[in-house]
Structures are given as structure tokens and as C-alpha cells.
Amino acid sequence: MKNKPFRTFLKAWITAASLGAFFFGWTVLGHSGKPATASGTDTTSADSQVAPLPTLAPLPPVGSRQSLQPLTQQQQPSFNFTQPRFRTRGS
């Protein structure tokens, strides 16, 4: 049981280091600057307007089968191993 104090100390040290690193990172990110805009200028200008997304055609009704195509059966390739395999007979 001589390792019990060392394990307790090690767990406490890892916990303290993890919490310290977390709060240090939180502080660094909190003091960092704002991200830059994509265009580098004011976002309200007419040059940075985003084009509208295209719309999709509506889906056919559930009962219609006009767009369904039957699946074709694909033949599985056959493998012919002509080289002999090594057998190790255990380890």
C-alpha cells in the first residue's frame, strides 16, 4: 500500500494541471480578437451580397412509380487462387 499516497498525489496533480490548462485556454481565447470578415471590408456593401440558392423540383407523390427503376442483379466476381497458401500449424 506504499503507492496509495503517490497515486492520490498523481491524480490530484493531473486534475489540477487539466483545470489550469482549461482555464488558461479559456482566458487566451477570451482575449483574442474578433475573426476577420470574408471580404475584409464592411459586410453591408453591395459587393458582398450572397447569391440566392437554387430551388429544387418538388418530389413526386409517394404512390407514383414513374421514377422507380428496377435494380439489376450484379454477378459476384469469382476468385481463383492458384498459388499455394502457407500453413503454420500453430504458433
Protein backbone atom coordinates (compact mmCIF):
# COMPACT_ATOMS: atom_id res chain seq x y z
CA MET A 1 0.00 0.00 0.00
CA LYS A 2 3.01 2.30 -0.28
CA ASN A 3 1.77 3.50 -3.71
CA LYS A 4 -1.53 4.85 -2.35
CA PRO A 5 -0.22 8.34 -1.40
CA PHE A 6 1.67 8.60 -4.69
CA ARG A 7 -1.42 7.66 -6.73
CA THR A 8 -3.53 10.17 -4.81
CA PHE A 9 -0.93 12.88 -5.41
CA LEU A 10 -0.68 11.94 -9.10
CA LYS A 11 -4.46 12.10 -9.58
CA ALA A 12 -4.62 15.47 -7.84
CA TRP A 13 -1.70 16.78 -9.94
CA ILE A 14 -3.31 15.65 -13.21
CA THR A 15 -6.64 17.18 -12.18
CA ALA A 16 -5.02 20.50 -11.23
CA ALA A 17 -2.97 20.60 -14.44
CA SER A 18 -6.05 19.83 -16.57
CA LEU A 19 -8.14 22.52 -14.89
CA GLY A 20 -5.28 25.02 -15.15
CA ALA A 21 -4.81 24.33 -18.86
CA PHE A 22 -8.56 24.61 -19.46
CA PHE A 23 -8.85 27.99 -17.74
CA PHE A 24 -5.66 29.25 -19.40
CA GLY A 25 -7.06 28.34 -22.83
CA TRP A 26 -10.40 29.91 -21.95
CA THR A 27 -8.62 33.13 -20.97
CA VAL A 28 -6.47 33.21 -24.12
CA LEU A 29 -9.50 32.67 -26.36
CA GLY A 30 -11.48 35.25 -24.42
CA HIS A 31 -8.84 37.92 -25.00
CA SER A 32 -8.29 37.12 -28.66
CA GLY A 33 -9.54 39.44 -31.36
CA LYS A 34 -12.70 39.11 -33.39
CA PRO A 35 -12.48 37.00 -36.56
CA ALA A 36 -11.96 38.88 -39.81
CA THR A 37 -14.78 39.19 -42.31
CA ALA A 38 -14.62 37.17 -45.53
CA SER A 39 -14.31 40.20 -47.80
CA GLY A 40 -12.08 42.20 -45.48
CA THR A 41 -14.41 45.24 -45.69
CA ASP A 42 -17.84 46.20 -44.43
CA THR A 43 -20.35 43.34 -44.81
CA THR A 44 -23.24 45.63 -45.76
CA SER A 45 -21.77 46.67 -49.09
CA ALA A 46 -23.39 45.54 -52.33
CA ASP A 47 -20.25 43.66 -53.41
CA SER A 48 -20.52 41.12 -50.61
CA GLN A 49 -24.12 40.11 -51.30
CA VAL A 50 -24.54 36.35 -51.49
CA ALA A 51 -26.33 34.84 -54.49
CA PRO A 52 -29.60 33.07 -53.65
CA LEU A 53 -29.61 29.29 -53.51
CA PRO A 54 -31.29 27.44 -56.37
CA THR A 55 -34.54 25.68 -55.60
CA LEU A 56 -35.16 22.01 -56.22
CA ALA A 57 -38.07 20.50 -58.13
CA PRO A 58 -40.77 19.05 -55.87
CA LEU A 59 -40.69 15.32 -55.22
CA PRO A 60 -43.26 13.09 -56.94
CA PRO A 61 -46.11 11.75 -54.79
CA VAL A 62 -45.46 8.64 -52.74
CA GLY A 63 -47.88 6.46 -54.73
CA SER A 64 -46.43 7.19 -58.18
CA ARG A 65 -43.95 4.66 -59.59
CA GLN A 66 -42.88 6.59 -62.67
CA SER A 67 -39.42 7.43 -61.33
CA LEU A 68 -38.58 3.99 -59.92
CA GLN A 69 -36.16 1.79 -61.83
CA PRO A 70 -35.71 -1.93 -61.18
CA LEU A 71 -32.34 -2.93 -59.80
CA THR A 72 -30.28 -5.26 -61.93
CA GLN A 73 -28.64 -8.31 -60.38
CA GLN A 74 -24.88 -7.95 -60.44
CA GLN A 75 -22.80 -11.09 -60.66
CA GLN A 76 -20.22 -11.53 -57.93
CA PRO A 77 -16.67 -11.94 -59.27
CA SER A 78 -15.11 -15.33 -58.66
CA PHE A 79 -11.58 -15.52 -57.36
CA ASN A 80 -9.30 -18.35 -58.36
CA PHE A 81 -6.30 -18.66 -56.08
CA THR A 82 -3.67 -20.65 -57.90
CA GLN A 83 -0.78 -20.02 -55.53
CA PRO A 84 -0.41 -22.39 -52.57
CA ARG A 85 -1.00 -20.98 -49.13
CA PHE A 86 1.43 -21.45 -46.28
CA ARG A 87 0.19 -23.31 -43.25
CA THR A 88 2.00 -22.67 -40.00
CA ARG A 89 0.46 -25.41 -37.82
CA GLY A 90 0.04 -23.26 -34.74
CA SER A 91 2.26 -20.63 -33.23
